[in-house]
Amino acid sequence: MKRAIPVLVLSVAGLVPVWLYSPSEGHGGELSEVAAPETPQQQQAPAPQTTAPKTTGSAAPKTSAAAPTTQQQQTQQQAQTRSVSGPAVNTSEGTVQVQVTLQGTKITDVKALRAPNSNPTRMALPLLRQSALKAQSADIDTVSGATATSEGYKASLQAALDGAK
């Protein structure tokens, strides 16, 4: 009984800093990826489209008929590749936001733009990406240990896919 009071006091004293802890506001407790490299590629794609008709217009009619068809197919494929960002979804662990890259209707890449900065999340993000690429939809399994992040990831991904239609 003599030890019970000091143990209780020291336990409470040890828990007070834990209760008062709050993450620093410098990074907001989130991971963040920049999706800037994809935007310039999309902006560069229209430039060949505008110059292609000028060069084919001066060519012979038979050559220009074949060349624009090939060029149109290439530009249509380039035009079909697009990136769409989903909304930022607030979860109990933090904010989750994804960006999906589509080529036509096929998901070619999924990036986490915002995610909680925790070990379970860092481990779950590659698994969630791999699952989304394999499933070609937002109908993916939740990663154990990162349930909140998984649910936010799926919600943001589904909204991005809905917005791409």
N, C-alpha and C. Protein backbone atom coordinates (compact mmCIF):
# COMPACT_ATOMS: atom_id res chain seq x y z
N MET A 1 0.82 -1.19 0.00
CA MET A 1 0.00 0.00 0.00
C MET A 1 0.86 1.25 0.00
N LYS A 2 2.04 1.14 0.62
CA LYS A 2 2.92 2.29 0.67
C LYS A 2 3.40 2.68 -0.73
N ARG A 3 3.50 1.71 -1.62
CA ARG A 3 3.96 1.97 -2.98
C ARG A 3 2.85 2.46 -3.91
N ALA A 4 1.65 2.22 -3.58
CA ALA A 4 0.52 2.53 -4.47
C ALA A 4 0.40 4.03 -4.75
N ILE A 5 0.56 4.85 -3.75
CA ILE A 5 0.40 6.30 -3.94
C ILE A 5 1.51 6.85 -4.83
N PRO A 6 2.80 6.56 -4.59
CA PRO A 6 3.83 7.08 -5.51
C PRO A 6 3.67 6.55 -6.94
N VAL A 7 3.27 5.30 -7.10
CA VAL A 7 3.08 4.74 -8.43
C VAL A 7 1.95 5.48 -9.15
N LEU A 8 0.87 5.73 -8.46
CA LEU A 8 -0.25 6.46 -9.04
C LEU A 8 0.15 7.88 -9.43
N VAL A 9 0.85 8.58 -8.56
CA VAL A 9 1.27 9.96 -8.82
C VAL A 9 2.23 10.01 -10.01
N LEU A 10 3.18 9.10 -10.05
CA LEU A 10 4.13 9.08 -11.15
C LEU A 10 3.47 8.67 -12.47
N SER A 11 2.49 7.80 -12.41
CA SER A 11 1.78 7.41 -13.62
C SER A 11 1.01 8.59 -14.20
N VAL A 12 0.33 9.32 -13.36
CA VAL A 12 -0.41 10.50 -13.81
C VAL A 12 0.57 11.55 -14.34
N ALA A 13 1.68 11.74 -13.64
CA ALA A 13 2.68 12.72 -14.09
C ALA A 13 3.26 12.32 -15.44
N GLY A 14 3.39 11.04 -15.70
CA GLY A 14 3.91 10.58 -16.99
C GLY A 14 2.89 10.71 -18.11
N LEU A 15 1.61 10.62 -17.79
CA LEU A 15 0.56 10.71 -18.81
C LEU A 15 0.19 12.15 -19.18
N VAL A 16 0.45 13.09 -18.30
CA VAL A 16 0.10 14.49 -18.58
C VAL A 16 0.74 14.99 -19.87
N PRO A 17 2.04 14.78 -20.12
CA PRO A 17 2.62 15.25 -21.39
C PRO A 17 1.98 14.57 -22.61
N VAL A 18 1.58 13.33 -22.46
CA VAL A 18 0.94 12.62 -23.57
C VAL A 18 -0.41 13.25 -23.89
N TRP A 19 -1.17 13.59 -22.86
CA TRP A 19 -2.48 14.20 -23.06
C TRP A 19 -2.35 15.60 -23.67
N LEU A 20 -1.30 16.32 -23.34
CA LEU A 20 -1.12 17.69 -23.81
C LEU A 20 -0.42 17.78 -25.16
N TYR A 21 0.09 16.67 -25.65
CA TYR A 21 0.83 16.68 -26.93
C TYR A 21 -0.07 17.03 -28.10
N SER A 22 0.46 17.89 -28.98
CA SER A 22 -0.21 18.16 -30.26
C SER A 22 0.90 18.28 -31.31
N PRO A 23 0.66 17.74 -32.53
CA PRO A 23 1.69 17.80 -33.56
C PRO A 23 2.00 19.23 -33.96
N SER A 24 3.23 19.44 -34.40
CA SER A 24 3.62 20.79 -34.83
C SER A 24 2.83 21.19 -36.06
N GLU A 25 2.63 22.48 -36.25
CA GLU A 25 1.85 22.97 -37.37
C GLU A 25 2.69 23.15 -38.62
N GLY A 26 4.00 22.91 -38.54
CA GLY A 26 4.89 23.07 -39.70
C GLY A 26 4.52 22.18 -40.86
N HIS A 27 4.21 20.92 -40.59
CA HIS A 27 3.85 20.00 -41.66
C HIS A 27 2.42 19.52 -41.52
N GLY A 28 1.74 19.92 -40.47
CA GLY A 28 0.35 19.56 -40.31
C GLY A 28 0.13 18.07 -40.07
N GLY A 29 1.20 17.33 -39.82
CA GLY A 29 1.06 15.91 -39.57
C GLY A 29 0.65 15.12 -40.80
N GLU A 30 0.95 15.65 -41.99
CA GLU A 30 0.53 14.98 -43.21
C GLU A 30 1.70 14.79 -44.15
N LEU A 31 1.61 13.77 -44.96
CA LEU A 31 2.54 13.57 -46.06
C LEU A 31 1.99 14.33 -47.25
N SER A 32 2.86 14.80 -48.10
CA SER A 32 2.39 15.54 -49.25
C SER A 32 3.29 15.24 -50.43
N GLU A 33 2.69 14.91 -51.57
CA GLU A 33 3.43 14.69 -52.80
C GLU A 33 3.03 15.77 -53.78
N VAL A 34 3.99 16.20 -54.59
CA VAL A 34 3.70 17.20 -55.59
C VAL A 34 3.45 16.49 -56.91
N ALA A 35 2.35 16.82 -57.55
CA ALA A 35 1.99 16.19 -58.82
C ALA A 35 2.32 17.10 -60.00
N ALA A 36 3.28 18.00 -59.84
CA ALA A 36 3.61 18.97 -60.88
C ALA A 36 4.17 18.35 -62.17
N PRO A 37 4.96 17.26 -62.13
CA PRO A 37 5.52 16.76 -63.39
C PRO A 37 4.47 16.36 -64.42
N GLU A 38 3.28 15.96 -63.99
CA GLU A 38 2.30 15.51 -64.96
C GLU A 38 1.61 16.67 -65.66
N THR A 39 1.47 17.80 -64.98
CA THR A 39 0.79 18.94 -65.56
C THR A 39 1.53 19.49 -66.78
N PRO A 40 2.87 19.71 -66.74
CA PRO A 40 3.54 20.21 -67.93
C PRO A 40 3.43 19.26 -69.12
N GLN A 41 3.43 17.95 -68.89
CA GLN A 41 3.31 17.01 -70.00
C GLN A 41 1.96 17.18 -70.68
N GLN A 42 0.93 17.41 -69.92
CA GLN A 42 -0.39 17.58 -70.49
C GLN A 42 -0.47 18.90 -71.26
N GLN A 43 0.22 19.92 -70.78
CA GLN A 43 0.19 21.20 -71.45
C GLN A 43 1.01 21.15 -72.74
N GLN A 44 2.04 20.32 -72.79
CA GLN A 44 2.87 20.22 -73.98
C GLN A 44 2.17 19.41 -75.07
N ALA A 45 1.26 18.52 -74.71
CA ALA A 45 0.60 17.67 -75.69
C ALA A 45 -0.20 18.46 -76.73
N PRO A 46 -0.92 19.55 -76.38
CA PRO A 46 -1.68 20.27 -77.39
C PRO A 46 -0.82 20.98 -78.43
N ALA A 47 0.44 21.32 -78.12
CA ALA A 47 1.27 22.05 -79.07
C ALA A 47 1.44 21.31 -80.39
N PRO A 48 1.76 19.99 -80.41
CA PRO A 48 1.86 19.30 -81.69
C PRO A 48 0.53 19.27 -82.44
N GLN A 49 -0.58 19.29 -81.74
CA GLN A 49 -1.88 19.27 -82.39
C GLN A 49 -2.08 20.52 -83.24
N THR A 50 -1.64 21.67 -82.73
CA THR A 50 -1.86 22.91 -83.47
C THR A 50 -0.90 23.03 -84.65
N THR A 51 0.29 22.46 -84.55
CA THR A 51 1.23 22.58 -85.66
C THR A 51 1.02 21.50 -86.71
N ALA A 52 0.44 20.37 -86.34
CA ALA A 52 0.28 19.26 -87.28
C ALA A 52 -0.58 19.64 -88.49
N PRO A 53 -1.73 20.31 -88.34
CA PRO A 53 -2.51 20.64 -89.52
C PRO A 53 -1.79 21.58 -90.48
N LYS A 54 -0.93 22.45 -89.98
CA LYS A 54 -0.21 23.37 -90.85
C LYS A 54 0.75 22.63 -91.76
N THR A 55 1.44 21.63 -91.24
CA THR A 55 2.41 20.90 -92.06
C THR A 55 1.72 19.95 -93.02
N THR A 56 0.62 19.36 -92.63
CA THR A 56 -0.06 18.42 -93.51
C THR A 56 -0.89 19.14 -94.57
N GLY A 57 -1.27 20.38 -94.31
CA GLY A 57 -2.08 21.13 -95.28
C GLY A 57 -1.29 21.42 -96.55
N SER A 58 0.02 21.55 -96.47
CA SER A 58 0.82 21.87 -97.65
C SER A 58 1.31 20.61 -98.36
N ALA A 59 1.09 19.44 -97.79
CA ALA A 59 1.54 18.20 -98.40
C ALA A 59 0.54 17.73 -99.45
N ALA A 60 0.94 16.70 -100.20
CA ALA A 60 0.07 16.15 -101.24
C ALA A 60 -1.18 15.56 -100.59
N PRO A 61 -2.32 15.58 -101.28
CA PRO A 61 -3.57 15.13 -100.68
C PRO A 61 -3.52 13.69 -100.18
N LYS A 62 -2.88 12.74 -100.91
CA LYS A 62 -2.86 11.36 -100.46
C LYS A 62 -2.02 11.21 -99.20
N THR A 63 -0.89 11.90 -99.13
CA THR A 63 -0.03 11.83 -97.96
C THR A 63 -0.71 12.48 -96.77
N SER A 64 -1.34 13.62 -96.98
CA SER A 64 -1.97 14.33 -95.87
C SER A 64 -3.16 13.54 -95.33
N ALA A 65 -3.82 12.75 -96.16
CA ALA A 65 -4.95 11.96 -95.68
C ALA A 65 -4.47 10.85 -94.75
N ALA A 66 -3.33 10.24 -95.06
CA ALA A 66 -2.81 9.16 -94.22
C ALA A 66 -2.16 9.72 -92.95
N ALA A 67 -1.39 10.79 -93.08
CA ALA A 67 -0.67 11.35 -91.95
C ALA A 67 -1.61 11.89 -90.87
N PRO A 68 -2.64 12.67 -91.21
CA PRO A 68 -3.50 13.17 -90.14
C PRO A 68 -4.22 12.04 -89.39
N THR A 69 -4.53 10.96 -90.07
CA THR A 69 -5.21 9.86 -89.40
C THR A 69 -4.30 9.29 -88.30
N THR A 70 -3.04 9.08 -88.63
CA THR A 70 -2.08 8.58 -87.64
C THR A 70 -1.87 9.63 -86.55
N GLN A 71 -1.71 10.87 -86.95
CA GLN A 71 -1.50 11.94 -85.99
C GLN A 71 -2.73 12.14 -85.11
N GLN A 72 -3.90 12.02 -85.70
CA GLN A 72 -5.12 12.17 -84.92
C GLN A 72 -5.24 11.05 -83.89
N GLN A 73 -4.86 9.85 -84.28
CA GLN A 73 -4.90 8.74 -83.34
C GLN A 73 -3.93 8.98 -82.18
N GLN A 74 -2.74 9.48 -82.51
CA GLN A 74 -1.75 9.74 -81.46
C GLN A 74 -2.23 10.85 -80.54
N THR A 75 -2.79 11.92 -81.12
CA THR A 75 -3.25 13.03 -80.30
C THR A 75 -4.48 12.63 -79.48
N GLN A 76 -5.31 11.75 -80.01
CA GLN A 76 -6.46 11.28 -79.24
C GLN A 76 -5.99 10.46 -78.05
N GLN A 77 -4.96 9.64 -78.25
CA GLN A 77 -4.42 8.86 -77.15
C GLN A 77 -3.81 9.77 -76.10
N GLN A 78 -3.09 10.80 -76.56
CA GLN A 78 -2.49 11.75 -75.63
C GLN A 78 -3.58 12.52 -74.91
N ALA A 79 -4.61 12.91 -75.63
CA ALA A 79 -5.70 13.67 -75.03
C ALA A 79 -6.46 12.82 -74.01
N GLN A 80 -6.51 11.52 -74.22
CA GLN A 80 -7.23 10.65 -73.30
C GLN A 80 -6.47 10.45 -71.99
N THR A 81 -5.16 10.67 -71.98
CA THR A 81 -4.40 10.56 -70.75
C THR A 81 -4.61 11.83 -69.95
N ARG A 82 -5.19 11.66 -68.76
CA ARG A 82 -5.49 12.82 -67.94
C ARG A 82 -5.37 12.46 -66.47
N SER A 83 -5.15 13.47 -65.66
CA SER A 83 -5.07 13.28 -64.22
C SER A 83 -6.21 14.03 -63.56
N VAL A 84 -6.83 13.38 -62.59
CA VAL A 84 -7.95 13.98 -61.88
C VAL A 84 -7.69 13.83 -60.38
N SER A 85 -7.80 14.93 -59.66
CA SER A 85 -7.61 14.90 -58.21
C SER A 85 -8.95 14.71 -57.52
N GLY A 86 -8.95 13.85 -56.53
CA GLY A 86 -10.15 13.66 -55.72
C GLY A 86 -10.20 14.72 -54.63
N PRO A 87 -11.31 14.81 -53.94
CA PRO A 87 -11.41 15.79 -52.86
C PRO A 87 -10.58 15.36 -51.65
N ALA A 88 -10.25 16.30 -50.81
CA ALA A 88 -9.56 16.00 -49.56
C ALA A 88 -10.61 15.45 -48.59
N VAL A 89 -10.37 14.24 -48.11
CA VAL A 89 -11.30 13.57 -47.20
C VAL A 89 -10.71 13.59 -45.80
N ASN A 90 -11.45 14.16 -44.86
CA ASN A 90 -11.00 14.20 -43.47
C ASN A 90 -11.35 12.89 -42.78
N THR A 91 -10.35 12.29 -42.15
CA THR A 91 -10.55 11.05 -41.40
C THR A 91 -10.13 11.29 -39.96
N SER A 92 -10.31 10.30 -39.12
CA SER A 92 -9.91 10.44 -37.72
C SER A 92 -8.39 10.54 -37.58
N GLU A 93 -7.65 10.06 -38.57
CA GLU A 93 -6.19 10.10 -38.53
C GLU A 93 -5.61 11.32 -39.24
N GLY A 94 -6.39 11.97 -40.08
CA GLY A 94 -5.91 13.13 -40.83
C GLY A 94 -6.58 13.20 -42.19
N THR A 95 -6.10 14.10 -43.03
CA THR A 95 -6.69 14.33 -44.34
C THR A 95 -6.04 13.44 -45.39
N VAL A 96 -6.87 12.87 -46.26
CA VAL A 96 -6.39 12.00 -47.34
C VAL A 96 -6.93 12.55 -48.66
N GLN A 97 -6.04 12.69 -49.64
CA GLN A 97 -6.42 13.13 -50.98
C GLN A 97 -5.57 12.39 -52.00
N VAL A 98 -6.21 11.91 -53.07
CA VAL A 98 -5.48 11.18 -54.10
C VAL A 98 -5.69 11.83 -55.46
N GLN A 99 -4.76 11.51 -56.35
CA GLN A 99 -4.85 11.94 -57.75
C GLN A 99 -4.73 10.68 -58.59
N VAL A 100 -5.67 10.50 -59.51
CA VAL A 100 -5.68 9.33 -60.37
C VAL A 100 -5.32 9.75 -61.79
N THR A 101 -4.46 8.99 -62.44
CA THR A 101 -4.10 9.22 -63.83
C THR A 101 -4.78 8.16 -64.67
N LEU A 102 -5.50 8.61 -65.67
CA LEU A 102 -6.26 7.71 -66.53
C LEU A 102 -5.79 7.82 -67.96
N GLN A 103 -5.74 6.70 -68.65
CA GLN A 103 -5.50 6.69 -70.08
C GLN A 103 -6.75 6.04 -70.67
N GLY A 104 -7.59 6.88 -71.26
CA GLY A 104 -8.91 6.40 -71.67
C GLY A 104 -9.70 6.13 -70.41
N THR A 105 -10.11 4.88 -70.21
CA THR A 105 -10.83 4.51 -68.99
C THR A 105 -9.96 3.67 -68.06
N LYS A 106 -8.71 3.43 -68.43
CA LYS A 106 -7.81 2.59 -67.64
C LYS A 106 -7.04 3.45 -66.63
N ILE A 107 -7.01 2.98 -65.38
CA ILE A 107 -6.23 3.66 -64.34
C ILE A 107 -4.77 3.27 -64.52
N THR A 108 -3.92 4.27 -64.79
CA THR A 108 -2.50 3.99 -64.99
C THR A 108 -1.66 4.34 -63.77
N ASP A 109 -2.16 5.23 -62.90
CA ASP A 109 -1.41 5.60 -61.70
C ASP A 109 -2.34 6.22 -60.67
N VAL A 110 -2.00 6.05 -59.42
CA VAL A 110 -2.72 6.70 -58.32
C VAL A 110 -1.66 7.23 -57.36
N LYS A 111 -1.74 8.52 -57.05
CA LYS A 111 -0.80 9.13 -56.12
C LYS A 111 -1.55 9.71 -54.94
N ALA A 112 -0.96 9.58 -53.78
CA ALA A 112 -1.52 10.20 -52.58
C ALA A 112 -0.97 11.62 -52.50
N LEU A 113 -1.85 12.60 -52.69
CA LEU A 113 -1.42 13.99 -52.59
C LEU A 113 -1.28 14.42 -51.13
N ARG A 114 -2.20 13.93 -50.29
CA ARG A 114 -2.16 14.23 -48.86
C ARG A 114 -2.51 12.96 -48.11
N ALA A 115 -1.81 12.71 -47.02
CA ALA A 115 -2.08 11.55 -46.18
C ALA A 115 -1.50 11.80 -44.79
N PRO A 116 -2.07 11.16 -43.78
CA PRO A 116 -1.52 11.32 -42.43
C PRO A 116 -0.07 10.84 -42.39
N ASN A 117 0.72 11.49 -41.56
CA ASN A 117 2.14 11.14 -41.45
C ASN A 117 2.32 10.17 -40.29
N SER A 118 2.05 8.90 -40.58
CA SER A 118 2.20 7.87 -39.56
C SER A 118 2.76 6.61 -40.22
N ASN A 119 3.36 5.76 -39.40
CA ASN A 119 3.93 4.52 -39.94
C ASN A 119 2.89 3.64 -40.62
N PRO A 120 1.70 3.42 -40.01
CA PRO A 120 0.72 2.59 -40.70
C PRO A 120 0.31 3.16 -42.07
N THR A 121 0.20 4.48 -42.15
CA THR A 121 -0.18 5.10 -43.43
C THR A 121 0.92 4.93 -44.45
N ARG A 122 2.18 5.17 -44.04
CA ARG A 122 3.29 5.02 -44.98
C ARG A 122 3.39 3.60 -45.51
N MET A 123 3.04 2.64 -44.68
CA MET A 123 3.07 1.25 -45.12
C MET A 123 1.84 0.90 -45.98
N ALA A 124 0.72 1.56 -45.72
CA ALA A 124 -0.52 1.24 -46.42
C ALA A 124 -0.61 1.87 -47.81
N LEU A 125 -0.02 3.03 -48.02
CA LEU A 125 -0.17 3.74 -49.30
C LEU A 125 0.27 2.91 -50.51
N PRO A 126 1.43 2.26 -50.48
CA PRO A 126 1.80 1.44 -51.63
C PRO A 126 0.84 0.26 -51.86
N LEU A 127 0.33 -0.31 -50.78
CA LEU A 127 -0.62 -1.42 -50.92
C LEU A 127 -1.94 -0.94 -51.52
N LEU A 128 -2.40 0.23 -51.07
CA LEU A 128 -3.64 0.78 -51.61
C LEU A 128 -3.49 1.13 -53.08
N ARG A 129 -2.34 1.70 -53.45
CA ARG A 129 -2.08 2.04 -54.86
C ARG A 129 -2.09 0.78 -55.71
N GLN A 130 -1.38 -0.25 -55.24
CA GLN A 130 -1.29 -1.50 -55.99
C GLN A 130 -2.68 -2.14 -56.14
N SER A 131 -3.48 -2.10 -55.10
CA SER A 131 -4.82 -2.67 -55.16
C SER A 131 -5.71 -1.91 -56.14
N ALA A 132 -5.60 -0.58 -56.14
CA ALA A 132 -6.41 0.23 -57.05
C ALA A 132 -6.02 -0.02 -58.51
N LEU A 133 -4.72 -0.16 -58.77
CA LEU A 133 -4.27 -0.44 -60.13
C LEU A 133 -4.73 -1.83 -60.59
N LYS A 134 -4.70 -2.78 -59.67
CA LYS A 134 -5.12 -4.13 -60.01
C LYS A 134 -6.64 -4.21 -60.21
N ALA A 135 -7.40 -3.57 -59.33
CA ALA A 135 -8.86 -3.63 -59.40
C ALA A 135 -9.42 -2.71 -60.49
N GLN A 136 -8.64 -1.69 -60.89
CA GLN A 136 -9.10 -0.69 -61.86
C GLN A 136 -10.37 0.00 -61.38
N SER A 137 -10.47 0.17 -60.06
CA SER A 137 -11.62 0.86 -59.47
C SER A 137 -11.26 1.24 -58.03
N ALA A 138 -12.21 1.85 -57.35
CA ALA A 138 -12.01 2.19 -55.95
C ALA A 138 -12.53 1.10 -55.03
N ASP A 139 -12.97 -0.01 -55.60
CA ASP A 139 -13.46 -1.14 -54.82
C ASP A 139 -12.28 -2.00 -54.39
N ILE A 140 -11.58 -1.53 -53.34
CA ILE A 140 -10.36 -2.19 -52.87
C ILE A 140 -10.51 -2.52 -51.39
N ASP A 141 -9.69 -3.46 -50.93
CA ASP A 141 -9.73 -3.88 -49.53
C ASP A 141 -9.08 -2.83 -48.63
N THR A 142 -9.55 -2.76 -47.41
CA THR A 142 -8.98 -1.89 -46.39
C THR A 142 -7.70 -2.54 -45.87
N VAL A 143 -6.67 -1.72 -45.66
CA VAL A 143 -5.41 -2.23 -45.12
C VAL A 143 -5.51 -2.26 -43.60
N SER A 144 -5.25 -3.42 -43.02
CA SER A 144 -5.32 -3.59 -41.59
C SER A 144 -4.30 -2.69 -40.90
N GLY A 145 -4.75 -1.99 -39.87
CA GLY A 145 -3.88 -1.07 -39.15
C GLY A 145 -3.95 0.35 -39.68
N ALA A 146 -4.52 0.52 -40.85
CA ALA A 146 -4.68 1.85 -41.44
C ALA A 146 -6.10 1.99 -42.00
N THR A 147 -7.06 1.62 -41.18
CA THR A 147 -8.45 1.60 -41.62
C THR A 147 -8.96 2.98 -42.01
N ALA A 148 -8.71 3.97 -41.18
CA ALA A 148 -9.19 5.32 -41.47
C ALA A 148 -8.56 5.86 -42.75
N THR A 149 -7.26 5.67 -42.90
CA THR A 149 -6.58 6.12 -44.11
C THR A 149 -7.12 5.38 -45.33
N SER A 150 -7.35 4.09 -45.21
CA SER A 150 -7.86 3.30 -46.33
C SER A 150 -9.24 3.78 -46.76
N GLU A 151 -10.10 4.06 -45.79
CA GLU A 151 -11.45 4.53 -46.12
C GLU A 151 -11.39 5.90 -46.79
N GLY A 152 -10.54 6.79 -46.30
CA GLY A 152 -10.38 8.11 -46.92
C GLY A 152 -9.80 8.00 -48.32
N TYR A 153 -8.85 7.10 -48.50
CA TYR A 153 -8.22 6.86 -49.81
C TYR A 153 -9.26 6.39 -50.81
N LYS A 154 -10.08 5.42 -50.39
CA LYS A 154 -11.11 4.88 -51.28
C LYS A 154 -12.15 5.94 -51.63
N ALA A 155 -12.54 6.76 -50.66
CA ALA A 155 -13.54 7.80 -50.91
C ALA A 155 -13.00 8.85 -51.88
N SER A 156 -11.76 9.28 -51.69
CA SER A 156 -11.17 10.29 -52.57
C SER A 156 -10.97 9.71 -53.98
N LEU A 157 -10.54 8.45 -54.06
CA LEU A 157 -10.34 7.80 -55.34
C LEU A 157 -11.67 7.65 -56.09
N GLN A 158 -12.72 7.25 -55.39
CA GLN A 158 -14.03 7.09 -56.05
C GLN A 158 -14.54 8.43 -56.57
N ALA A 159 -14.37 9.48 -55.79
CA ALA A 159 -14.81 10.80 -56.22
C ALA A 159 -14.01 11.28 -57.44
N ALA A 160 -12.72 10.98 -57.46
CA ALA A 160 -11.88 11.35 -58.61
C ALA A 160 -12.33 10.59 -59.86
N LEU A 161 -12.62 9.30 -59.71
CA LEU A 161 -13.09 8.51 -60.85
C LEU A 161 -14.45 8.99 -61.33
N ASP A 162 -15.33 9.36 -60.40
CA ASP A 162 -16.63 9.89 -60.78
C ASP A 162 -16.48 11.22 -61.53
N GLY A 163 -15.53 12.03 -61.08
CA GLY A 163 -15.29 13.32 -61.73
C GLY A 163 -14.65 13.19 -63.10
N ALA A 164 -14.00 12.07 -63.35
CA ALA A 164 -13.32 11.87 -64.64
C ALA A 164 -14.29 11.45 -65.73
N LYS A 165 -15.48 11.02 -65.36
CA LYS A 165 -16.45 10.54 -66.36
C LYS A 165 -17.09 11.66 -67.11
